[in-house]
Amino acid sequence: MAGVRPDTPPAQWGRLDRLERLHRRIRACTRCADAGYIPFARPVVAGSALDRIAIVGQAPGAMELTTGMPFSGRSGVILRRWLAGAGIGEDELPYRTAITKCFPGKAIGGVGELEVGDRLGHAFTAA
C-alpha cells in the first residue's frame, strides 16, 4: 500500500487501503467532462485515512486544476498560514478535499469562477 508509514498499526491498514481505492476511483472519474459540464476532468483530493482533521472546500479552483493538489491557490496560502500559526507544518497538512472534485470552470464572461451550485445538482443526480 502506498503511503503506509512503518509505524502504522496493522489495524489501520484496511482503512488506508479503502481510502486509497476511493482516491483512485475519484481521480479516474470523468462524469462531468463526459456530460459536457467541463472540458476535461482532473479530480483533486489529498490526505490519509490516518489524518484526524479533514478540511473540505467548495470546489477546486484554477490553480488546483494545474497542480492537482487541494488548496494550492490563494485560499490554500491563507489556510497554510493559519495552520502554521497553530503549529501544523507543510509536512503535517490534514486531509483536504472539496464537495465537488473538479474545477467547475470560469464564470460566463471569463471573470471569476462558476458557482458550484450552478453545476452541483447534476453531480448528485448522476451519482
Protein backbone atom coordinates (compact mmCIF):
# COMPACT_ATOMS: atom_id res chain seq x y z
CA MET A 1 0.00 0.00 0.00
CA ALA A 2 1.34 3.40 -0.93
CA GLY A 3 1.67 5.92 1.86
CA VAL A 4 1.75 3.43 4.74
CA ARG A 5 4.25 4.64 7.30
CA PRO A 6 6.35 1.99 9.08
CA ASP A 7 4.74 2.92 12.41
CA THR A 8 1.17 2.43 11.11
CA PRO A 9 -0.63 -0.18 13.23
CA PRO A 10 -1.82 -3.18 11.19
CA ALA A 11 -5.36 -2.50 12.42
CA GLN A 12 -5.32 0.72 10.33
CA TRP A 13 -4.18 -0.92 7.08
CA GLY A 14 -7.76 -1.69 5.99
CA ARG A 15 -8.79 1.98 6.37
CA LEU A 16 -5.76 3.08 4.40
CA ASP A 17 -6.46 0.58 1.64
CA ARG A 18 -10.14 1.60 1.36
CA LEU A 19 -9.27 5.30 1.15
CA GLU A 20 -6.55 4.62 -1.41
CA ARG A 21 -9.07 2.73 -3.57
CA LEU A 22 -11.60 5.57 -3.18
CA HIS A 23 -8.95 8.14 -4.21
CA ARG A 24 -8.18 6.08 -7.34
CA ARG A 25 -11.90 5.99 -8.23
CA ILE A 26 -12.26 9.74 -7.65
CA ARG A 27 -9.17 10.55 -9.73
CA ALA A 28 -10.41 8.32 -12.58
CA CYS A 29 -13.86 9.96 -12.66
CA THR A 30 -14.81 11.72 -15.90
CA ARG A 31 -18.60 12.13 -15.38
CA CYS A 32 -18.64 15.93 -15.54
CA ALA A 33 -16.45 16.05 -18.64
CA ASP A 34 -18.43 13.23 -20.29
CA ALA A 35 -21.66 15.17 -19.63
CA GLY A 36 -20.14 18.31 -21.18
CA TYR A 37 -20.08 20.38 -17.98
CA ILE A 38 -16.30 20.89 -18.06
CA PRO A 39 -13.75 20.50 -20.89
CA PHE A 40 -11.77 17.79 -19.07
CA ALA A 41 -11.72 16.12 -15.67
CA ARG A 42 -8.95 16.46 -13.11
CA PRO A 43 -10.44 15.45 -9.74
CA VAL A 44 -8.48 16.77 -6.77
CA VAL A 45 -8.12 15.12 -3.33
CA ALA A 46 -5.24 14.62 -0.88
CA GLY A 47 -4.71 13.07 2.52
CA SER A 48 -4.53 9.91 4.53
CA ALA A 49 -7.05 7.82 6.43
CA LEU A 50 -4.85 8.47 9.48
CA ASP A 51 -5.47 12.23 9.34
CA ARG A 52 -7.50 13.36 12.33
CA ILE A 53 -8.74 16.55 10.69
CA ALA A 54 -10.45 16.99 7.32
CA ILE A 55 -10.71 20.36 5.59
CA VAL A 56 -13.47 20.49 2.99
CA GLY A 57 -13.77 23.31 0.50
CA GLN A 58 -16.46 24.18 -2.01
CA ALA A 59 -14.61 23.22 -5.22
CA PRO A 60 -11.08 23.19 -6.60
CA GLY A 61 -10.02 26.41 -8.29
CA ALA A 62 -7.99 27.07 -11.42
CA MET A 63 -4.69 26.65 -9.53
CA GLU A 64 -5.78 23.25 -8.17
CA LEU A 65 -6.61 22.23 -11.72
CA THR A 66 -2.98 22.94 -12.61
CA THR A 67 -1.28 21.44 -9.54
CA GLY A 68 -3.67 18.55 -8.81
CA MET A 69 -3.46 19.39 -5.08
CA PRO A 70 -6.29 20.79 -2.94
CA PHE A 71 -5.90 24.28 -1.50
CA SER A 72 -2.88 25.17 -3.63
CA GLY A 73 -4.29 28.53 -4.74
CA ARG A 74 -4.92 31.77 -2.83
CA SER A 75 -7.18 30.15 -0.24
CA GLY A 76 -4.54 27.50 0.37
CA VAL A 77 -1.89 30.13 1.11
CA ILE A 78 -4.16 31.60 3.78
CA LEU A 79 -5.12 28.16 5.11
CA ARG A 80 -1.47 27.05 5.41
CA ARG A 81 -0.63 30.30 7.19
CA TRP A 82 -3.44 29.66 9.71
CA LEU A 83 -2.33 26.06 10.17
CA ALA A 84 1.30 27.15 10.63
CA GLY A 85 0.11 29.55 13.33
CA ALA A 86 -1.44 26.54 15.07
CA GLY A 87 1.86 24.65 14.80
CA ILE A 88 0.86 22.47 11.84
CA GLY A 89 3.62 22.42 9.21
CA GLU A 90 3.56 21.63 5.49
CA ASP A 91 4.55 18.01 6.17
CA GLU A 92 1.61 17.59 8.57
CA LEU A 93 -1.22 19.01 6.44
CA PRO A 94 -4.58 17.38 7.23
CA TYR A 95 -6.89 15.59 4.80
CA ARG A 96 -8.02 18.08 2.13
CA THR A 97 -10.88 17.76 -0.31
CA ALA A 98 -13.91 19.64 -1.67
CA ILE A 99 -17.61 18.99 -2.10
CA THR A 100 -17.06 18.79 -5.86
CA LYS A 101 -13.82 17.20 -7.01
CA CYS A 102 -13.21 19.10 -10.28
CA PHE A 103 -12.75 22.78 -11.09
CA PRO A 104 -16.24 23.92 -12.22
CA GLY A 105 -14.87 26.32 -14.86
CA LYS A 106 -14.75 30.03 -15.44
CA ALA A 107 -17.86 32.14 -14.97
CA ILE A 108 -19.69 33.35 -18.04
CA GLY A 109 -17.65 36.25 -19.39
CA GLY A 110 -14.42 34.69 -18.10
CA VAL A 111 -14.25 36.69 -14.86
CA GLY A 112 -14.21 34.59 -11.70
CA GLU A 113 -15.38 31.00 -11.40
CA LEU A 114 -18.77 29.35 -11.77
CA GLU A 115 -20.59 28.86 -8.53
CA VAL A 116 -20.57 25.21 -7.53
CA GLY A 117 -24.35 25.33 -7.18
CA ASP A 118 -24.56 26.02 -10.92
CA ARG A 119 -23.18 22.54 -11.56
CA LEU A 120 -23.64 20.63 -8.31
CA GLY A 121 -27.18 19.42 -8.88
CA HIS A 122 -26.20 17.19 -11.77
CA ALA A 123 -23.39 15.59 -9.75
CA PHE A 124 -25.81 14.24 -7.16
CA THR A 125 -28.30 13.20 -9.82
CA ALA A 126 -25.61 11.35 -11.79
CA ALA A 127 -24.16 9.64 -8.71
